[in-house]
N, C-alpha and C. Protein backbone atom coordinates (compact mmCIF):
# COMPACT_ATOMS: atom_id res chain seq x y z
N MET A 1 101.88 2.54 11.77
CA MET A 1 102.61 2.20 10.02
C MET A 1 102.30 4.04 9.90
N SER A 2 103.36 3.94 9.30
CA SER A 2 103.58 4.81 8.29
C SER A 2 104.09 4.88 6.32
N VAL A 3 103.96 6.00 5.74
CA VAL A 3 103.98 5.88 4.09
C VAL A 3 104.61 6.86 3.71
N VAL A 4 105.31 6.72 2.54
CA VAL A 4 106.16 7.55 1.64
C VAL A 4 104.56 7.40 0.93
N THR A 5 104.30 8.89 0.19
CA THR A 5 103.21 9.29 -0.60
C THR A 5 103.06 9.94 -1.53
N LEU A 6 103.46 9.30 -3.28
CA LEU A 6 104.07 9.93 -4.14
C LEU A 6 102.95 11.17 -4.58
N VAL A 7 103.27 12.25 -4.05
CA VAL A 7 102.28 13.36 -4.90
C VAL A 7 102.63 13.95 -6.11
N SER A 8 101.62 14.03 -6.95
CA SER A 8 102.15 15.08 -8.06
C SER A 8 101.34 16.58 -8.53
N GLY A 9 100.58 16.41 -7.32
CA GLY A 9 100.00 17.89 -7.39
C GLY A 9 98.31 17.43 -7.89
N GLY A 10 98.06 16.55 -8.72
CA GLY A 10 97.42 16.31 -9.64
C GLY A 10 96.17 15.50 -8.49
N LEU A 11 95.06 15.15 -9.09
CA LEU A 11 93.96 14.52 -8.31
C LEU A 11 93.86 13.38 -7.46
N ASP A 12 94.61 12.47 -8.15
CA ASP A 12 94.99 11.15 -7.53
C ASP A 12 95.48 10.61 -6.58
N SER A 13 96.73 11.23 -6.52
CA SER A 13 98.19 11.61 -5.62
C SER A 13 97.22 12.29 -4.34
N THR A 14 96.78 13.84 -4.73
CA THR A 14 95.79 14.17 -3.28
C THR A 14 94.85 13.41 -2.97
N LEU A 15 94.34 12.58 -3.63
CA LEU A 15 93.48 11.55 -3.28
C LEU A 15 94.28 10.76 -2.48
N VAL A 16 94.86 10.80 -2.69
CA VAL A 16 95.27 9.14 -1.63
C VAL A 16 96.36 9.97 -0.12
N ALA A 17 96.57 10.84 -0.84
CA ALA A 17 97.29 11.46 0.69
C ALA A 17 96.23 12.18 1.60
N LYS A 18 95.46 12.58 1.36
CA LYS A 18 93.74 12.99 1.72
C LYS A 18 93.54 11.52 2.52
N LEU A 19 92.64 10.42 1.82
CA LEU A 19 92.47 9.37 2.55
C LEU A 19 93.72 8.49 3.36
N THR A 20 94.87 8.88 2.92
CA THR A 20 95.57 8.37 4.07
C THR A 20 95.70 9.06 5.27
N GLN A 21 95.20 10.33 5.08
CA GLN A 21 95.95 11.37 6.31
C GLN A 21 94.38 11.15 7.06
N GLU A 22 93.25 10.92 6.95
CA GLU A 22 91.76 10.73 7.72
C GLU A 22 91.87 9.01 8.37
N GLU A 23 92.97 8.54 7.63
CA GLU A 23 93.56 6.97 8.05
C GLU A 23 94.02 7.17 9.58
N GLY A 24 94.56 8.67 9.58
CA GLY A 24 95.60 8.57 11.05
C GLY A 24 96.64 7.83 10.50
N ILE A 25 97.33 8.16 9.33
CA ILE A 25 98.57 6.89 9.16
C ILE A 25 99.44 8.47 9.24
N THR A 26 100.81 7.93 9.23
CA THR A 26 102.20 9.33 9.30
C THR A 26 102.61 8.67 8.08
N GLN A 27 102.52 10.08 6.80
CA GLN A 27 103.09 9.82 5.87
C GLN A 27 104.32 11.11 5.12
N TYR A 28 104.98 10.50 4.26
CA TYR A 28 106.18 11.54 3.63
C TYR A 28 106.28 11.76 2.80
N PRO A 29 105.19 12.69 2.27
CA PRO A 29 104.96 12.80 0.91
C PRO A 29 105.96 13.19 0.28
N LEU A 30 105.60 12.70 -0.88
CA LEU A 30 107.49 12.20 -1.94
C LEU A 30 106.87 13.10 -3.60
N PHE A 31 107.45 14.17 -3.79
CA PHE A 31 107.58 14.92 -4.94
C PHE A 31 108.31 13.98 -6.33
N ILE A 32 108.39 14.19 -6.91
CA ILE A 32 109.38 13.69 -8.15
C ILE A 32 109.20 14.42 -9.63
N ASP A 33 110.43 15.63 -9.30
CA ASP A 33 111.00 15.48 -10.41
C ASP A 33 111.71 14.95 -11.37
N TYR A 34 111.18 14.43 -12.73
CA TYR A 34 111.47 13.79 -13.39
C TYR A 34 111.96 14.00 -14.61
N GLY A 35 111.73 15.49 -14.85
CA GLY A 35 112.48 16.52 -15.57
C GLY A 35 110.70 16.18 -17.03
N GLN A 36 110.05 16.07 -16.04
CA GLN A 36 109.07 16.54 -16.79
C GLN A 36 108.13 18.04 -17.33
N ARG A 37 108.14 18.13 -18.46
CA ARG A 37 107.09 18.94 -19.34
C ARG A 37 106.62 20.31 -17.84
N SER A 38 105.53 19.77 -17.05
CA SER A 38 104.96 19.87 -16.57
C SER A 38 105.25 20.39 -14.72
N ARG A 39 106.65 19.84 -14.55
CA ARG A 39 107.29 19.93 -13.16
C ARG A 39 106.62 21.70 -12.40
N ASP A 40 106.80 22.70 -13.21
CA ASP A 40 106.47 23.85 -12.27
C ASP A 40 105.06 23.66 -11.77
N ARG A 41 104.05 23.83 -12.73
CA ARG A 41 102.90 23.06 -12.63
C ARG A 41 102.37 22.59 -11.06
N GLU A 42 102.31 21.23 -11.17
CA GLU A 42 102.72 20.27 -10.73
C GLU A 42 103.56 20.53 -9.33
N LEU A 43 104.48 21.03 -9.03
CA LEU A 43 104.94 21.01 -7.83
C LEU A 43 104.21 22.35 -7.15
N ALA A 44 104.06 23.27 -8.21
CA ALA A 44 103.08 24.95 -7.56
C ALA A 44 101.35 24.05 -7.06
N ALA A 45 100.84 23.23 -7.05
CA ALA A 45 99.82 22.58 -7.16
C ALA A 45 100.04 21.34 -5.83
N CYS A 46 101.24 20.66 -6.33
CA CYS A 46 101.76 20.04 -5.20
C CYS A 46 101.42 20.33 -3.36
N ARG A 47 102.22 21.50 -3.75
CA ARG A 47 102.25 22.65 -2.57
C ARG A 47 101.53 22.99 -2.05
N HIS A 48 100.38 23.70 -3.43
CA HIS A 48 99.63 24.68 -2.44
C HIS A 48 98.34 23.84 -2.25
N VAL A 49 98.36 22.63 -2.88
CA VAL A 49 97.01 21.29 -1.95
C VAL A 49 97.39 20.40 -0.71
N MET A 50 98.90 20.34 -0.53
CA MET A 50 99.36 19.77 0.51
C MET A 50 98.84 20.94 1.45
N SER A 51 99.33 22.34 1.39
CA SER A 51 99.00 23.22 2.32
C SER A 51 97.71 23.23 3.11
N GLU A 52 96.80 23.76 1.16
CA GLU A 52 95.20 23.51 1.95
C GLU A 52 94.78 22.60 2.60
N LEU A 53 95.06 21.16 2.26
CA LEU A 53 94.43 20.23 3.09
C LEU A 53 95.30 19.66 4.51
N GLU A 54 96.10 20.77 5.30
CA GLU A 54 97.00 20.42 6.07
C GLU A 54 97.75 19.07 5.86
N LEU A 55 98.33 19.32 5.14
CA LEU A 55 99.31 17.98 5.03
C LEU A 55 100.76 18.12 5.51
N PRO A 56 101.40 17.16 5.18
CA PRO A 56 103.01 18.46 4.91
C PRO A 56 103.66 18.11 3.84
N GLU A 57 104.22 19.44 4.40
CA GLU A 57 104.99 19.90 2.94
C GLU A 57 105.72 18.56 2.12
N PRO A 58 105.64 18.57 0.85
CA PRO A 58 106.72 17.03 0.32
C PRO A 58 107.72 17.81 -0.38
N LYS A 59 108.69 16.59 0.26
CA LYS A 59 110.17 16.00 -0.09
C LYS A 59 110.07 16.81 -1.27
N ILE A 60 110.80 16.61 -2.56
CA ILE A 60 111.49 17.01 -4.14
C ILE A 60 112.63 16.16 -4.10
N ALA A 61 112.52 15.08 -5.33
CA ALA A 61 113.87 13.93 -5.31
C ALA A 61 113.53 15.38 -6.99
N ASP A 62 115.03 15.45 -7.20
CA ASP A 62 116.20 15.88 -8.26
C ASP A 62 115.92 15.12 -8.96
N LEU A 63 115.07 14.46 -9.86
CA LEU A 63 115.86 13.10 -10.71
C LEU A 63 115.37 13.95 -12.37
N SER A 64 116.25 15.35 -12.32
CA SER A 64 115.35 15.92 -12.92
C SER A 64 116.02 15.64 -14.73
N GLY A 65 117.46 15.04 -14.23
CA GLY A 65 118.17 14.37 -15.44
C GLY A 65 117.67 12.86 -16.11
N PHE A 66 116.86 12.34 -15.52
CA PHE A 66 116.19 11.63 -16.43
C PHE A 66 115.81 11.84 -16.93
N GLY A 67 114.99 12.84 -17.63
CA GLY A 67 114.60 13.60 -18.76
C GLY A 67 114.94 14.14 -19.64
N ILE A 68 116.18 13.71 -19.19
CA ILE A 68 117.23 14.59 -20.42
C ILE A 68 118.06 13.55 -21.23
N LEU A 69 117.71 12.51 -20.44
CA LEU A 69 117.93 11.37 -20.77
C LEU A 69 117.35 10.16 -21.31
N ILE A 70 116.22 10.26 -20.57
CA ILE A 70 115.18 9.25 -21.34
C ILE A 70 114.05 10.77 -21.85
N HIS A 71 113.84 10.35 -23.65
CA HIS A 71 112.58 11.32 -23.96
C HIS A 71 111.35 11.06 -24.71
N SER A 72 110.62 11.65 -23.89
CA SER A 72 109.20 11.28 -24.35
C SER A 72 107.97 12.87 -24.24
N GLY A 73 106.43 12.48 -24.84
CA GLY A 73 105.99 13.45 -24.77
C GLY A 73 106.26 14.26 -23.42
N LEU A 74 106.51 13.46 -22.53
CA LEU A 74 106.21 13.96 -20.74
C LEU A 74 107.53 14.72 -20.80
N THR A 75 108.42 15.28 -21.19
CA THR A 75 109.60 15.08 -21.22
C THR A 75 110.07 15.89 -22.31
N ASP A 76 110.06 16.28 -23.40
CA ASP A 76 110.99 16.41 -24.53
C ASP A 76 109.45 17.37 -25.28
N LEU A 77 109.69 18.70 -25.50
CA LEU A 77 109.12 19.12 -26.32
C LEU A 77 108.58 19.09 -27.59
N LYS A 78 109.74 18.48 -27.96
CA LYS A 78 109.46 18.11 -29.11
C LYS A 78 107.95 16.74 -30.34
N LEU A 79 108.39 16.09 -28.18
CA LEU A 79 107.59 14.80 -29.10
C LEU A 79 106.25 15.05 -28.92
N ASP A 80 105.70 14.35 -29.72
CA ASP A 80 103.92 14.51 -28.65
C ASP A 80 103.14 13.92 -27.75
N VAL A 81 102.60 14.64 -27.29
CA VAL A 81 102.41 14.62 -25.14
C VAL A 81 101.78 13.37 -26.22
N VAL A 82 100.88 12.67 -26.60
CA VAL A 82 99.86 11.81 -26.26
C VAL A 82 100.55 10.66 -27.32
N LYS A 83 100.75 11.01 -28.33
CA LYS A 83 101.37 9.75 -28.87
C LYS A 83 102.76 8.81 -28.74
N ASP A 84 103.69 9.94 -27.82
CA ASP A 84 104.37 9.66 -27.78
C ASP A 84 105.18 9.15 -25.68
N ALA A 85 103.21 9.39 -24.97
CA ALA A 85 103.55 9.72 -23.92
C ALA A 85 104.30 8.39 -22.72
N PHE A 86 104.21 7.11 -23.22
CA PHE A 86 104.78 6.50 -22.52
C PHE A 86 106.48 6.67 -22.04
N THR A 87 106.71 6.63 -20.87
CA THR A 87 108.48 7.23 -20.83
C THR A 87 108.49 5.69 -19.77
N PRO A 88 109.46 5.36 -20.42
CA PRO A 88 109.88 3.50 -20.07
C PRO A 88 110.91 4.17 -18.63
N GLY A 89 109.96 3.23 -17.51
CA GLY A 89 110.66 3.22 -16.24
C GLY A 89 110.14 4.00 -15.13
N ARG A 90 108.84 4.76 -16.08
CA ARG A 90 109.16 6.50 -15.25
C ARG A 90 108.24 5.47 -13.64
N ASN A 91 107.77 4.71 -13.66
CA ASN A 91 106.83 4.33 -12.26
C ASN A 91 107.40 3.34 -11.26
N MET A 92 108.33 2.62 -12.22
CA MET A 92 110.17 2.13 -11.64
C MET A 92 110.89 3.05 -10.70
N LEU A 93 111.07 4.18 -11.48
CA LEU A 93 112.24 4.83 -10.79
C LEU A 93 111.20 5.71 -9.92
N PHE A 94 110.07 6.19 -9.51
CA PHE A 94 109.68 6.73 -8.69
C PHE A 94 108.77 5.89 -8.06
N ILE A 95 108.78 4.18 -7.81
CA ILE A 95 108.66 3.23 -6.83
C ILE A 95 109.95 3.27 -6.23
N LEU A 96 111.00 3.18 -6.52
CA LEU A 96 112.04 2.57 -6.07
C LEU A 96 113.33 4.63 -5.51
N VAL A 97 112.60 5.18 -5.59
CA VAL A 97 113.27 6.77 -4.86
C VAL A 97 112.24 6.62 -4.24
N ALA A 98 110.58 6.29 -4.12
CA ALA A 98 109.79 5.92 -2.61
C ALA A 98 110.32 5.45 -2.10
N ALA A 99 110.69 3.82 -2.33
CA ALA A 99 110.98 3.34 -1.38
C ALA A 99 112.06 3.17 -0.76
N ALA A 100 112.90 4.19 -1.18
CA ALA A 100 114.57 4.05 -0.46
C ALA A 100 114.68 5.52 0.36
N TYR A 101 113.12 6.45 0.29
CA TYR A 101 113.43 7.61 1.46
C TYR A 101 112.25 6.54 2.13
N ALA A 102 111.62 5.73 1.81
CA ALA A 102 110.81 5.29 2.90
C ALA A 102 111.54 4.14 4.00
N TYR A 103 113.02 3.83 3.30
CA TYR A 103 113.96 2.99 4.01
C TYR A 103 114.74 3.76 5.35
N GLN A 104 114.90 4.91 4.29
CA GLN A 104 115.59 5.74 5.67
C GLN A 104 115.10 6.39 6.44
N VAL A 105 113.13 6.59 6.30
CA VAL A 105 112.89 7.42 6.93
C VAL A 105 111.96 6.07 8.34
N GLY A 106 112.08 4.59 7.73
CA GLY A 106 111.41 3.99 8.95
C GLY A 106 109.69 3.66 7.92
N ALA A 107 109.48 4.43 6.98
CA ALA A 107 108.48 3.96 6.51
C ALA A 107 108.56 2.19 6.76
N GLU A 108 107.31 2.12 6.78
CA GLU A 108 106.89 0.51 6.27
C GLU A 108 105.89 0.05 5.01
N ALA A 109 105.73 2.15 4.14
CA ALA A 109 104.81 1.55 3.23
C ALA A 109 105.07 2.68 2.11
N ILE A 110 105.03 2.48 0.31
CA ILE A 110 105.08 3.57 -0.18
C ILE A 110 103.78 3.02 -0.95
N SER A 111 102.68 4.99 -1.62
CA SER A 111 101.78 4.80 -1.72
C SER A 111 101.44 5.22 -3.18
N ILE A 112 100.89 4.61 -4.21
CA ILE A 112 101.49 5.39 -5.49
C ILE A 112 99.86 5.43 -6.01
N GLY A 113 99.13 6.61 -6.46
CA GLY A 113 98.15 7.01 -7.36
C GLY A 113 97.37 6.40 -8.39
N LEU A 114 97.65 5.02 -8.28
CA LEU A 114 96.80 4.36 -9.76
C LEU A 114 95.62 3.97 -9.99
N LEU A 115 95.01 4.09 -10.70
CA LEU A 115 93.81 3.72 -10.76
C LEU A 115 93.64 1.94 -11.06
N HIS A 116 92.29 1.89 -11.52
CA HIS A 116 91.75 0.53 -12.09
C HIS A 116 91.95 0.06 -12.86
N GLU A 117 93.36 -0.88 -13.17
CA GLU A 117 93.18 -1.63 -13.34
C GLU A 117 92.63 -2.00 -14.94
N SER A 118 92.16 -2.12 -15.64
CA SER A 118 91.53 -1.57 -16.61
C SER A 118 91.59 -0.68 -17.10
N THR A 119 91.78 0.57 -16.54
CA THR A 119 92.06 1.77 -17.36
C THR A 119 93.81 1.87 -17.44
N SER A 120 94.31 1.19 -17.84
CA SER A 120 95.52 0.32 -17.76
C SER A 120 96.74 1.63 -18.93
N ILE A 121 96.82 2.15 -18.99
CA ILE A 121 97.45 2.68 -20.73
C ILE A 121 98.16 1.26 -20.67
N PHE A 122 99.36 0.90 -19.77
CA PHE A 122 101.16 1.47 -19.77
C PHE A 122 101.23 -0.06 -18.96
N PRO A 123 102.31 -0.53 -19.44
CA PRO A 123 103.00 -1.65 -18.61
C PRO A 123 103.04 -1.63 -17.25
N ASP A 124 103.61 -0.18 -17.21
CA ASP A 124 103.80 -0.08 -15.96
C ASP A 124 102.75 0.32 -14.59
N GLN A 125 101.61 0.20 -14.84
CA GLN A 125 100.41 0.35 -14.38
C GLN A 125 99.40 -0.59 -13.79
N THR A 126 99.63 -1.80 -13.80
CA THR A 126 99.15 -3.08 -13.55
C THR A 126 99.28 -3.22 -12.50
N SER A 127 98.42 -4.17 -12.02
CA SER A 127 99.22 -4.93 -10.41
C SER A 127 99.88 -6.29 -10.66
N ALA A 128 100.19 -6.65 -11.39
CA ALA A 128 101.50 -7.42 -11.72
C ALA A 128 103.17 -6.63 -12.04
N PHE A 129 102.82 -5.65 -11.93
CA PHE A 129 103.56 -4.94 -12.11
C PHE A 129 104.08 -4.26 -10.62
N LEU A 130 103.42 -4.36 -10.04
CA LEU A 130 103.33 -3.11 -8.48
C LEU A 130 103.69 -4.81 -7.79
N ARG A 131 103.24 -5.57 -7.70
CA ARG A 131 103.25 -7.39 -6.99
C ARG A 131 105.35 -7.68 -7.31
N GLU A 132 105.29 -6.74 -8.81
CA GLU A 132 106.92 -7.63 -9.35
C GLU A 132 107.85 -5.79 -8.43
N ALA A 133 107.57 -5.13 -8.63
CA ALA A 133 108.11 -4.47 -8.02
C ALA A 133 108.53 -4.33 -6.61
N GLU A 134 107.39 -4.72 -5.88
CA GLU A 134 107.38 -4.49 -4.04
C GLU A 134 108.96 -6.06 -4.39
N ASN A 135 108.03 -7.32 -5.30
CA ASN A 135 109.52 -8.33 -4.78
C ASN A 135 110.87 -7.80 -4.85
N LEU A 136 110.82 -7.26 -5.84
CA LEU A 136 112.83 -6.12 -6.14
C LEU A 136 112.95 -5.44 -4.96
N ILE A 137 111.96 -4.51 -5.11
CA ILE A 137 111.77 -3.61 -3.17
C ILE A 137 113.10 -4.38 -2.51
N THR A 138 112.07 -5.60 -2.19
CA THR A 138 112.66 -6.74 -0.86
C THR A 138 113.86 -7.06 -1.19
N HIS A 139 114.27 -7.05 -2.62
CA HIS A 139 115.45 -8.28 -2.58
C HIS A 139 116.54 -7.41 -2.61
N CYS A 140 116.97 -6.02 -2.90
CA CYS A 140 117.87 -4.98 -3.15
C CYS A 140 117.71 -4.23 -1.78
N MET A 141 116.63 -4.06 -1.07
CA MET A 141 116.70 -3.43 0.22
C MET A 141 117.00 -4.26 1.62
N ASP A 142 116.31 -5.28 1.12
CA ASP A 142 116.74 -7.08 2.31
C ASP A 142 116.44 -6.50 3.34
N LYS A 143 114.50 -6.19 2.65
CA LYS A 143 113.76 -5.23 3.64
C LYS A 143 112.02 -4.97 2.88
N ARG A 144 111.21 -5.82 3.47
CA ARG A 144 110.29 -5.82 3.17
C ARG A 144 109.52 -4.36 2.86
N ILE A 145 109.06 -3.58 1.88
CA ILE A 145 108.05 -2.59 1.87
C ILE A 145 107.34 -2.10 0.90
N LYS A 146 106.10 -1.84 1.41
CA LYS A 146 104.87 -2.76 0.82
C LYS A 146 103.99 -1.28 0.17
N ILE A 147 103.76 -1.80 -1.75
CA ILE A 147 103.61 -1.06 -2.53
C ILE A 147 101.97 -0.73 -2.88
N LEU A 148 101.60 -0.33 -1.40
CA LEU A 148 100.02 -0.07 -1.70
C LEU A 148 99.57 0.99 -3.05
N ALA A 149 98.34 1.33 -3.22
CA ALA A 149 97.70 1.88 -4.41
C ALA A 149 96.01 1.80 -3.79
N PRO A 150 95.95 2.61 -3.11
CA PRO A 150 94.89 2.91 -2.23
C PRO A 150 93.09 2.70 -3.95
N LEU A 151 93.58 3.25 -4.21
CA LEU A 151 92.93 3.94 -5.40
C LEU A 151 92.38 2.45 -6.61
N ALA A 152 93.18 1.48 -6.40
CA ALA A 152 93.63 0.66 -7.71
C ALA A 152 91.31 0.21 -7.48
N GLU A 153 90.44 0.44 -7.12
CA GLU A 153 89.29 -0.15 -7.59
C GLU A 153 88.46 0.94 -8.03
N PHE A 154 89.16 1.82 -8.11
CA PHE A 154 88.58 3.15 -8.47
C PHE A 154 88.96 3.68 -9.78
N TYR A 155 87.84 4.68 -10.46
CA TYR A 155 87.78 5.04 -11.82
C TYR A 155 87.80 6.24 -11.91
N LYS A 156 88.15 6.89 -12.53
CA LYS A 156 88.29 8.61 -13.09
C LYS A 156 87.07 9.38 -12.23
N GLU A 157 85.97 8.66 -12.82
CA GLU A 157 84.77 9.19 -12.34
C GLU A 157 84.71 9.13 -10.71
N ASP A 158 85.15 8.08 -9.99
CA ASP A 158 84.69 7.35 -8.87
C ASP A 158 86.09 8.93 -7.65
N VAL A 159 86.87 8.50 -8.54
CA VAL A 159 88.06 10.31 -7.68
C VAL A 159 87.44 10.98 -8.00
N VAL A 160 86.82 11.50 -9.04
CA VAL A 160 86.68 13.15 -8.93
C VAL A 160 85.78 13.27 -8.20
N ALA A 161 84.56 12.10 -7.83
CA ALA A 161 83.48 12.61 -6.43
C ALA A 161 83.71 12.08 -5.67
N LEU A 162 84.36 11.17 -5.50
CA LEU A 162 85.18 11.28 -3.65
C LEU A 162 85.98 13.13 -3.58
N ALA A 163 86.91 13.06 -4.54
CA ALA A 163 87.63 14.19 -3.83
C ALA A 163 86.54 15.23 -4.27
N LYS A 164 85.35 15.48 -4.67
CA LYS A 164 85.27 16.95 -4.49
C LYS A 164 84.38 16.46 -3.08
N GLN A 165 83.68 15.60 -2.61
CA GLN A 165 82.97 15.42 -1.11
C GLN A 165 83.98 16.08 0.04
N LYS A 166 85.65 15.61 -0.13
CA LYS A 166 86.53 15.48 0.47
C LYS A 166 86.67 17.40 0.54
N GLY A 167 86.83 17.64 -0.45
CA GLY A 167 86.90 19.40 0.06
C GLY A 167 87.79 19.58 -1.77
N ILE A 168 88.35 18.54 -2.44
CA ILE A 168 90.24 18.49 -2.96
C ILE A 168 89.22 19.44 -4.04
N ARG A 169 90.42 20.71 -3.76
CA ARG A 169 90.19 21.55 -5.17
C ARG A 169 91.58 22.19 -5.80
N ASP A 170 91.74 22.39 -6.85
CA ASP A 170 92.90 23.71 -7.39
C ASP A 170 93.85 21.89 -7.57
N THR A 171 93.75 21.31 -7.71
CA THR A 171 95.14 20.09 -8.48
C THR A 171 95.17 20.77 -9.78
N TYR A 172 95.88 19.96 -9.87
CA TYR A 172 96.94 20.58 -11.96
C TYR A 172 97.47 18.44 -12.13
N SER A 173 96.25 18.50 -13.11
CA SER A 173 96.92 17.38 -13.94
C SER A 173 96.92 17.54 -15.72
N CYS A 174 97.36 18.21 -16.32
CA CYS A 174 98.17 18.40 -17.20
C CYS A 174 100.01 18.02 -17.56
N HIS A 175 99.54 16.95 -18.79
CA HIS A 175 101.18 16.80 -19.17
C HIS A 175 101.89 17.53 -19.56
N VAL A 176 101.23 18.57 -20.26
CA VAL A 176 101.69 20.18 -21.16
C VAL A 176 102.55 20.53 -20.25
N GLY A 177 101.81 21.31 -19.56
CA GLY A 177 102.34 22.26 -18.25
C GLY A 177 102.26 23.35 -18.76
N GLU A 178 101.27 24.10 -19.35
CA GLU A 178 100.54 25.20 -19.14
C GLU A 178 99.43 25.99 -18.60
N LYS A 179 99.47 26.86 -17.92
CA LYS A 179 98.38 27.74 -17.30
C LYS A 179 97.30 26.89 -17.33
N GLU A 180 96.35 26.04 -18.63
CA GLU A 180 95.14 26.45 -18.94
C GLU A 180 94.93 24.78 -19.21
N PRO A 181 94.65 23.66 -18.67
CA PRO A 181 95.01 22.50 -19.19
C PRO A 181 94.93 22.04 -20.70
N CYS A 182 95.34 21.49 -21.39
CA CYS A 182 96.04 21.40 -22.57
C CYS A 182 94.06 21.09 -23.45
N GLY A 183 93.88 20.08 -22.81
CA GLY A 183 92.75 19.39 -22.32
C GLY A 183 92.64 17.80 -23.34
N ALA A 184 93.95 17.97 -24.45
CA ALA A 184 94.03 16.54 -25.39
C ALA A 184 94.96 15.56 -24.54
N CYS A 185 95.80 15.82 -23.58
CA CYS A 185 97.32 14.85 -23.34
C CYS A 185 96.03 13.48 -22.47
N ILE A 186 97.02 12.67 -22.33
CA ILE A 186 96.34 11.57 -21.71
C ILE A 186 95.27 11.84 -19.80
N ALA A 187 96.50 13.10 -19.62
CA ALA A 187 95.99 13.17 -17.88
C ALA A 187 94.62 13.91 -18.41
N CYS A 188 94.99 14.73 -19.51
CA CYS A 188 93.30 15.85 -19.04
C CYS A 188 92.25 15.04 -19.67
N ASN A 189 92.61 14.13 -21.17
CA ASN A 189 91.75 12.28 -21.18
C ASN A 189 90.92 12.06 -20.35
N GLU A 190 91.57 11.84 -19.54
CA GLU A 190 90.95 10.79 -18.56
C GLU A 190 89.75 11.59 -17.53
N PHE A 191 89.75 12.85 -17.89
CA PHE A 191 88.59 13.72 -17.18
C PHE A 191 87.22 13.60 -18.02
N LYS A 192 87.06 13.43 -19.10
CA LYS A 192 86.28 13.32 -20.47
C LYS A 192 85.55 11.87 -20.08
N ILE A 193 86.54 10.75 -19.77
CA ILE A 193 85.85 9.72 -20.13
C ILE A 193 84.35 9.56 -19.09
N GLU A 194 83.18 9.05 -19.77
CA GLU A 194 81.98 8.93 -19.21
C GLU A 194 81.73 10.12 -19.07
N GLY A 195 81.94 11.58 -19.36
CA GLY A 195 81.18 12.81 -18.62
C GLY A 195 81.69 13.32 -17.41
N VAL A 196 82.76 12.80 -16.91
CA VAL A 196 83.39 13.03 -15.99
C VAL A 196 84.29 14.35 -16.00
């Protein structure tokens, strides 16, 4: 089996890549540049952690025009990074591009770092969304490409603990994109839940 792993340089996706590596599964890490404010820091962290963990260097899908067209707190400096965080179509974009890449390289699945459904804030973070997306991918590519969410039973504290155990460090998980994490965006606030 082989899988396209969606990687962002953040803790969740890096753990997914590490677990995939430990399973001995051939993987094709893929970084999506969707015009996010934090692109440069995310990509730098992504390249660094993939190298540190002796994982393949990620391919980069340059879809930065998405962020020019679709304004949200994650793509537009004029919008609030928390209040305006929902970026419509973002996870579908990720899944579609990853599935198309999987089709090209002959991978049977794609993998995304979504956590336990109870932590979902947006509609494109649920198991129902993933099921529907998988069906849509099957129809539009005439080939079944599975969508895996290996952390679907995990809460952030579980991710932090396992990542520490696996020696994962130097990830970047802030939507603002500054050198020091802002401490206020959704990604940063996940680390404050239950003392994480």
